[in-house]
Amino acid sequence: MQREFDGDTHETFTDDDRKYIRLKDRKLVELQTLRVNYTTYDVRRDQDSINPRNHADVMVLSPEDEPGAHPYWYARVLRIFRVQVISTHPLASTAHTGPQEMELLWVRWLGVEPGYCSGDRYACLPKVGFVDEADPFAFGFLDPAHIIRGCHLMPSFSDGRTSDLLQTSEPTVARKKGEVDDWQFFYIGIFVDRDMYMRYFPGGGVGHTTNRKFFKDVAEDAEELDGEPTGNQSPDEDDELYFPLDSELPLSDKEEMLGSSSDEENEDESDEEDEVEDGSDGTDIDDWQWDDGYGSA
């Protein structure tokens, strides 16, 4: 249909468009592992292994560009599928080429906590939580090609757990085995490695795809913070070290400086006399030879 799915174009695909979608043999093949290749901050290749059992959290680039928008979206992978799909829509390429194999992820989305501020200015990690089930897009499908890499979510223990986001106590694929509720919020582990850190504060490494507007706003905030006076320093105080001129020193300070310099000269002269005395044992200093430790003369 000559349209690409970027994770946030649900409204552009109507129910009539979906009626043209057909799955070959009406079958989904479930996979256990997804491997995501990515470029690190220092232009090296690395790989994350994603699976719904114990490493299911991923991050994708956010299409939001309004001021203050978080640069990434986060999701928990519930299932990994491979399908043979065909669209009978007149504008679809598969209408002429036949079924096309593709991979897709069934995910549960997380959203940034409203009104929460994070970053180096606030000394707080980004904070996210599961989208409420009342939202029609709380669950969805994601193209693995849009995943940047896996991410590390740390539960916010102070906020506790809740069942309001998914109001069921029955076993569900949206939760891990044995769980009947969810952590209300999670902190994003931005310090898990150097590559992850580079994706947040400095604005990304070489080859990173980032939200440039977000990092521009962060840089401007940092400049404003750096310009504020700290401690007992006044805004008009010069940062350079101040060395007084000789004419500005009191007479007593000048005498101390001159006295210290004359003492140093006397110490140097006494050291030279000691060196001369060390050589006055009947041996000509010019005849001194270096002992190489092997008995050579």
Foldseek 3Di string as FASTA:
>chain_A
DPDDDQPPPVVVQDPVQVVQKDFVVPDKDWDAWDKDWAAFQVGDIDIAIDGLAPFFKFKFADPDQDPPDDGIWMKGFLTKIKTFMAGCPPPDPCVPVPTDIAIKTKIFTKDWDPPDDDDPVVPAFTKIFQAAPVDPVRIDMDGSVRTNHTWDWAFPPVQPWDARRPPAQDDDSNDHPPDRTGRGMTGTDQVPDPRSVQQPAPPGHVPDDTNNSHNVVVVVVVVVVVQDDDDPDDSPDDPDDDDDDPVPDDPVVVVVVVVVVVVVVVVVVVVVVVVVVVPPPPDDPVPDDDDPPPPDD
